[in-house]
Amino acid sequence: MARSREIPEPEPTGELVDYEAAVAGYIAAGANETVQRVVTALSRVSKRLDEFYRDQLADLELQRGDWGVLQELALQEQQQGIGGCSSPSRLADMVGVSPSTMTHRLDQLEKRGLLERSEDPDNRTRSRVGLTRRGRELFRRAVLDADVAESKVLASLSVKEQRQLADLLEKLLAR
């Protein structure tokens, strides 16, 4: 069982000073101050989260690509219900790897009991891939552990500010 990982608390003055210096450097080169404040802050938060995710995946004995497979299968189940599945080729496209790489990855995850493959009843030349109960439990545990760490990143914002930030970021994504 993976131990719960925490995002390290930033050193208040060190990280802030480094951030301000980076922004000042971009501004001195002619960049827009507000844009650089936003982009640099997002980049720093993203880096902090990436460090957590890397450690969490290592604790779960997963590679980033393994997580992508479990995540995609979990989303398929959410849309289709338990037993929802995907095809190896769709998973390869979603994760961004070759079909042969996906086959190897699926072999490893199947050996660990996290997913199962079966024949597609509509086309016997294709296979279907779905999560096992163990795979669902691992996905859920990883999401809950990450939610704790992600919440800590946003803890300095009020609930209202968190909603505003989410709305603004979604607005950026929609454009």
C-alpha atoms as a PDB file:
ATOM      1  CA  MET A   1       0.000   0.000   0.000  1.00  0.00           C
ATOM      2  CA  ALA A   2       1.345   3.412  -0.945  1.00  0.00           C
ATOM      3  CA  ARG A   3       2.072   5.868   1.782  1.00  0.00           C
ATOM      4  CA  SER A   4       0.423   9.242   1.578  1.00  0.00           C
ATOM      5  CA  ARG A   5       2.752  11.826   0.059  1.00  0.00           C
ATOM      6  CA  GLU A   6       2.653  15.486   0.897  1.00  0.00           C
ATOM      7  CA  ILE A   7       3.613  18.495  -1.116  1.00  0.00           C
ATOM      8  CA  PRO A   8       6.561  20.104   0.616  1.00  0.00           C
ATOM      9  CA  GLU A   9       5.776  23.427   2.207  1.00  0.00           C
ATOM     10  CA  PRO A  10       7.542  26.147   0.249  1.00  0.00           C
ATOM     11  CA  GLU A  11      10.088  28.279   1.998  1.00  0.00           C
ATOM     12  CA  PRO A  12       8.031  31.493   2.203  1.00  0.00           C
ATOM     13  CA  THR A  13      10.758  33.991   1.486  1.00  0.00           C
ATOM     14  CA  GLY A  14      13.026  31.869  -0.731  1.00  0.00           C
ATOM     15  CA  GLU A  15      10.404  30.742  -3.195  1.00  0.00           C
ATOM     16  CA  LEU A  16       8.709  34.135  -3.303  1.00  0.00           C
ATOM     17  CA  VAL A  17      12.023  35.932  -3.845  1.00  0.00           C
ATOM     18  CA  ASP A  18      12.899  33.490  -6.638  1.00  0.00           C
ATOM     19  CA  TYR A  19       9.468  34.019  -8.240  1.00  0.00           C
ATOM     20  CA  GLU A  20       9.777  37.809  -8.049  1.00  0.00           C
ATOM     21  CA  ALA A  21      13.275  37.682  -9.544  1.00  0.00           C
ATOM     22  CA  ALA A  22      12.049  35.524 -12.427  1.00  0.00           C
ATOM     23  CA  VAL A  23       9.148  37.884 -13.138  1.00  0.00           C
ATOM     24  CA  ALA A  24      11.471  40.894 -12.944  1.00  0.00           C
ATOM     25  CA  GLY A  25      13.818  39.231 -15.432  1.00  0.00           C
ATOM     26  CA  TYR A  26      11.012  38.696 -17.932  1.00  0.00           C
ATOM     27  CA  ILE A  27       9.774  42.259 -17.484  1.00  0.00           C
ATOM     28  CA  ALA A  28      13.295  43.627 -17.969  1.00  0.00           C
ATOM     29  CA  ALA A  29      13.413  41.725 -21.269  1.00  0.00           C
ATOM     30  CA  GLY A  30      10.230  43.520 -22.350  1.00  0.00           C
ATOM     31  CA  ALA A  31       7.477  41.109 -21.327  1.00  0.00           C
ATOM     32  CA  ASN A  32       4.092  42.169 -19.962  1.00  0.00           C
ATOM     33  CA  GLU A  33       4.212  42.170 -16.143  1.00  0.00           C
ATOM     34  CA  THR A  34       0.736  40.754 -15.524  1.00  0.00           C
ATOM     35  CA  VAL A  35       1.148  38.007 -18.095  1.00  0.00           C
ATOM     36  CA  GLN A  36       4.492  37.007 -16.620  1.00  0.00           C
ATOM     37  CA  ARG A  37       3.144  37.012 -13.069  1.00  0.00           C
ATOM     38  CA  VAL A  38       0.362  34.631 -14.116  1.00  0.00           C
ATOM     39  CA  VAL A  39       2.493  32.369 -16.297  1.00  0.00           C
ATOM     40  CA  THR A  40       5.383  32.170 -13.839  1.00  0.00           C
ATOM     41  CA  ALA A  41       3.044  31.444 -10.915  1.00  0.00           C
ATOM     42  CA  LEU A  42       1.211  28.727 -12.876  1.00  0.00           C
ATOM     43  CA  SER A  43       4.527  27.211 -13.885  1.00  0.00           C
ATOM     44  CA  ARG A  44       5.779  27.145 -10.278  1.00  0.00           C
ATOM     45  CA  VAL A  45       2.554  25.609  -8.943  1.00  0.00           C
ATOM     46  CA  SER A  46       2.616  23.044 -11.746  1.00  0.00           C
ATOM     47  CA  LYS A  47       6.219  22.130 -10.919  1.00  0.00           C
ATOM     48  CA  ARG A  48       5.332  21.654  -7.251  1.00  0.00           C
ATOM     49  CA  LEU A  49       2.419  19.377  -8.171  1.00  0.00           C
ATOM     50  CA  ASP A  50       4.534  17.434 -10.684  1.00  0.00           C
ATOM     51  CA  GLU A  51       7.048  16.635  -7.945  1.00  0.00           C
ATOM     52  CA  PHE A  52       4.232  15.288  -5.778  1.00  0.00           C
ATOM     53  CA  TYR A  53       2.751  13.220  -8.633  1.00  0.00           C
ATOM     54  CA  ARG A  54       6.165  11.755  -9.528  1.00  0.00           C
ATOM     55  CA  ASP A  55       6.706  10.636  -5.924  1.00  0.00           C
ATOM     56  CA  GLN A  56       3.146   9.353  -5.607  1.00  0.00           C
ATOM     57  CA  LEU A  57       3.420   7.266  -8.780  1.00  0.00           C
ATOM     58  CA  ALA A  58       6.732   5.838  -7.566  1.00  0.00           C
ATOM     59  CA  ASP A  59       5.062   4.843  -4.292  1.00  0.00           C
ATOM     60  CA  LEU A  60       2.315   3.113  -6.288  1.00  0.00           C
ATOM     61  CA  GLU A  61       4.955   1.446  -8.493  1.00  0.00           C
ATOM     62  CA  LEU A  62       3.478   3.086 -11.584  1.00  0.00           C
ATOM     63  CA  GLN A  63       5.014   4.920 -14.495  1.00  0.00           C
ATOM     64  CA  ARG A  64       3.373   8.110 -15.778  1.00  0.00           C
ATOM     65  CA  GLY A  65       2.085   6.174 -18.794  1.00  0.00           C
ATOM     66  CA  ASP A  66       0.614   3.478 -16.532  1.00  0.00           C
ATOM     67  CA  TRP A  67      -1.311   6.194 -14.725  1.00  0.00           C
ATOM     68  CA  GLY A  68      -2.591   7.486 -18.074  1.00  0.00           C
ATOM     69  CA  VAL A  69      -3.997   4.024 -18.866  1.00  0.00           C
ATOM     70  CA  LEU A  70      -5.666   3.643 -15.456  1.00  0.00           C
ATOM     71  CA  GLN A  71      -7.037   7.171 -15.693  1.00  0.00           C
ATOM     72  CA  GLU A  72      -8.489   6.615 -19.170  1.00  0.00           C
ATOM     73  CA  LEU A  73     -10.076   3.319 -18.134  1.00  0.00           C
ATOM     74  CA  ALA A  74     -11.552   4.918 -15.002  1.00  0.00           C
ATOM     75  CA  LEU A  75     -13.034   7.714 -17.118  1.00  0.00           C
ATOM     76  CA  GLN A  76     -14.520   5.138 -19.499  1.00  0.00           C
ATOM     77  CA  GLU A  77     -16.142   3.420 -16.523  1.00  0.00           C
ATOM     78  CA  GLN A  78     -17.528   6.730 -15.344  1.00  0.00           C
ATOM     79  CA  GLN A  79     -19.158   7.246 -18.737  1.00  0.00           C
ATOM     80  CA  GLN A  80     -20.202   3.634 -19.403  1.00  0.00           C
ATOM     81  CA  GLY A  81     -20.620   2.240 -15.896  1.00  0.00           C
ATOM     82  CA  ILE A  82     -18.647  -0.536 -14.214  1.00  0.00           C
ATOM     83  CA  GLY A  83     -17.335  -2.812 -16.903  1.00  0.00           C
ATOM     84  CA  GLY A  84     -16.766   0.138 -19.221  1.00  0.00           C
ATOM     85  CA  CYS A  85     -13.742  -0.499 -21.356  1.00  0.00           C
ATOM     86  CA  SER A  86     -11.507   0.736 -24.106  1.00  0.00           C
ATOM     87  CA  SER A  87      -9.425  -0.781 -26.861  1.00  0.00           C
ATOM     88  CA  PRO A  88      -5.628  -1.043 -26.809  1.00  0.00           C
ATOM     89  CA  SER A  89      -5.365   1.202 -29.879  1.00  0.00           C
ATOM     90  CA  ARG A  90      -7.544   3.907 -28.303  1.00  0.00           C
ATOM     91  CA  LEU A  91      -5.466   3.724 -25.120  1.00  0.00           C
ATOM     92  CA  ALA A  92      -2.259   4.031 -27.163  1.00  0.00           C
ATOM     93  CA  ASP A  93      -3.661   7.141 -28.856  1.00  0.00           C
ATOM     94  CA  MET A  94      -4.809   8.671 -25.561  1.00  0.00           C
ATOM     95  CA  VAL A  95      -1.489   8.049 -23.799  1.00  0.00           C
ATOM     96  CA  GLY A  96       0.573   8.954 -26.860  1.00  0.00           C
ATOM     97  CA  VAL A  97       2.541   5.751 -27.360  1.00  0.00           C
ATOM     98  CA  SER A  98       2.902   3.179 -30.121  1.00  0.00           C
ATOM     99  CA  PRO A  99       0.601   0.137 -30.149  1.00  0.00           C
ATOM    100  CA  SER A 100       3.551  -2.155 -29.314  1.00  0.00           C
ATOM    101  CA  THR A 101       4.481   0.017 -26.312  1.00  0.00           C
ATOM    102  CA  MET A 102       0.854  -0.085 -25.181  1.00  0.00           C
ATOM    103  CA  THR A 103       0.771  -3.877 -25.511  1.00  0.00           C
ATOM    104  CA  HIS A 104       3.805  -4.139 -23.226  1.00  0.00           C
ATOM    105  CA  ARG A 105       2.282  -1.673 -20.744  1.00  0.00           C
ATOM    106  CA  LEU A 106      -1.030  -3.577 -20.718  1.00  0.00           C
ATOM    107  CA  ASP A 107       0.854  -6.855 -20.142  1.00  0.00           C
ATOM    108  CA  GLN A 108       2.552  -5.364 -17.073  1.00  0.00           C
ATOM    109  CA  LEU A 109      -0.644  -3.861 -15.642  1.00  0.00           C
ATOM    110  CA  GLU A 110      -2.513  -7.109 -16.259  1.00  0.00           C
ATOM    111  CA  LYS A 111       0.195  -9.084 -14.430  1.00  0.00           C
ATOM    112  CA  ARG A 112      -0.312  -6.775 -11.450  1.00  0.00           C
ATOM    113  CA  GLY A 113      -4.039  -7.483 -11.519  1.00  0.00           C
ATOM    114  CA  LEU A 114      -4.985  -3.870 -12.294  1.00  0.00           C
ATOM    115  CA  LEU A 115      -6.748  -4.521 -15.594  1.00  0.00           C
ATOM    116  CA  GLU A 116      -8.113  -7.335 -17.659  1.00  0.00           C
ATOM    117  CA  ARG A 117      -8.415  -7.933 -21.376  1.00  0.00           C
ATOM    118  CA  SER A 118     -11.210  -9.739 -23.117  1.00  0.00           C
ATOM    119  CA  GLU A 119     -12.358 -10.425 -26.634  1.00  0.00           C
ATOM    120  CA  ASP A 120     -14.586  -7.738 -28.174  1.00  0.00           C
ATOM    121  CA  PRO A 121     -17.933  -9.479 -28.820  1.00  0.00           C
ATOM    122  CA  ASP A 122     -18.614  -7.161 -31.768  1.00  0.00           C
ATOM    123  CA  ASN A 123     -15.272  -7.873 -33.457  1.00  0.00           C
ATOM    124  CA  ARG A 124     -13.296 -10.936 -32.427  1.00  0.00           C
ATOM    125  CA  THR A 125     -10.100  -9.538 -33.941  1.00  0.00           C
ATOM    126  CA  ARG A 126     -10.069  -6.778 -31.316  1.00  0.00           C
ATOM    127  CA  SER A 127      -9.725  -6.890 -27.574  1.00  0.00           C
ATOM    128  CA  ARG A 128     -11.300  -4.809 -24.846  1.00  0.00           C
ATOM    129  CA  VAL A 129      -9.463  -3.547 -21.787  1.00  0.00           C
ATOM    130  CA  GLY A 130     -11.115  -2.750 -18.468  1.00  0.00           C
ATOM    131  CA  LEU A 131     -10.152  -2.136 -14.867  1.00  0.00           C
ATOM    132  CA  THR A 132     -10.289  -4.872 -12.276  1.00  0.00           C
ATOM    133  CA  ARG A 133     -11.569  -4.160  -8.805  1.00  0.00           C
ATOM    134  CA  ARG A 134      -7.955  -3.850  -7.683  1.00  0.00           C
ATOM    135  CA  GLY A 135      -7.298  -1.331 -10.482  1.00  0.00           C
ATOM    136  CA  ARG A 136     -10.349   0.710  -9.461  1.00  0.00           C
ATOM    137  CA  GLU A 137      -9.227   0.714  -5.828  1.00  0.00           C
ATOM    138  CA  LEU A 138      -5.714   1.831  -6.753  1.00  0.00           C
ATOM    139  CA  PHE A 139      -7.118   4.619  -8.936  1.00  0.00           C
ATOM    140  CA  ARG A 140      -9.465   5.787  -6.185  1.00  0.00           C
ATOM    141  CA  ARG A 141      -6.737   5.722  -3.520  1.00  0.00           C
ATOM    142  CA  ALA A 142      -4.378   7.698  -5.767  1.00  0.00           C
ATOM    143  CA  VAL A 143      -7.053  10.302  -6.504  1.00  0.00           C
ATOM    144  CA  LEU A 144      -7.914  10.730  -2.829  1.00  0.00           C
ATOM    145  CA  ASP A 145      -4.234  11.055  -1.837  1.00  0.00           C
ATOM    146  CA  ALA A 146      -3.683  13.610  -4.598  1.00  0.00           C
ATOM    147  CA  ASP A 147      -6.795  15.538  -3.558  1.00  0.00           C
ATOM    148  CA  VAL A 148      -5.316  16.083  -0.104  1.00  0.00           C
ATOM    149  CA  ALA A 149      -2.051  17.393  -1.554  1.00  0.00           C
ATOM    150  CA  GLU A 150      -3.793  19.489  -4.211  1.00  0.00           C
ATOM    151  CA  SER A 151      -6.060  21.014  -1.572  1.00  0.00           C
ATOM    152  CA  LYS A 152      -2.981  22.076   0.396  1.00  0.00           C
ATOM    153  CA  VAL A 153      -1.715  23.963  -2.656  1.00  0.00           C
ATOM    154  CA  LEU A 154      -4.972  25.946  -2.720  1.00  0.00           C
ATOM    155  CA  ALA A 155      -5.324  26.280   1.059  1.00  0.00           C
ATOM    156  CA  SER A 156      -4.187  29.912   1.152  1.00  0.00           C
ATOM    157  CA  LEU A 157      -7.217  30.841  -0.975  1.00  0.00           C
ATOM    158  CA  SER A 158     -10.751  31.057   0.383  1.00  0.00           C
ATOM    159  CA  VAL A 159     -13.373  28.762  -1.112  1.00  0.00           C
ATOM    160  CA  LYS A 160     -14.721  31.737  -3.064  1.00  0.00           C
ATOM    161  CA  GLU A 161     -11.239  32.547  -4.393  1.00  0.00           C
ATOM    162  CA  GLN A 162     -10.697  28.896  -5.359  1.00  0.00           C
ATOM    163  CA  ARG A 163     -13.953  28.952  -7.352  1.00  0.00           C
ATOM    164  CA  GLN A 164     -12.942  32.229  -9.012  1.00  0.00           C
ATOM    165  CA  LEU A 165      -9.545  30.794  -9.924  1.00  0.00           C
ATOM    166  CA  ALA A 166     -11.186  27.655 -11.325  1.00  0.00           C
ATOM    167  CA  ASP A 167     -13.621  29.776 -13.359  1.00  0.00           C
ATOM    168  CA  LEU A 168     -10.814  31.926 -14.753  1.00  0.00           C
ATOM    169  CA  LEU A 169      -8.618  28.953 -15.653  1.00  0.00           C
ATOM    170  CA  GLU A 170     -11.571  27.209 -17.323  1.00  0.00           C
ATOM    171  CA  LYS A 171     -12.210  30.383 -19.291  1.00  0.00           C
ATOM    172  CA  LEU A 172      -8.586  30.254 -20.499  1.00  0.00           C
ATOM    173  CA  LEU A 173      -8.926  26.599 -21.472  1.00  0.00           C
ATOM    174  CA  ALA A 174     -12.139  27.225 -23.405  1.00  0.00           C
ATOM    175  CA  ARG A 175     -10.530  29.852 -25.621  1.00  0.00           C
END
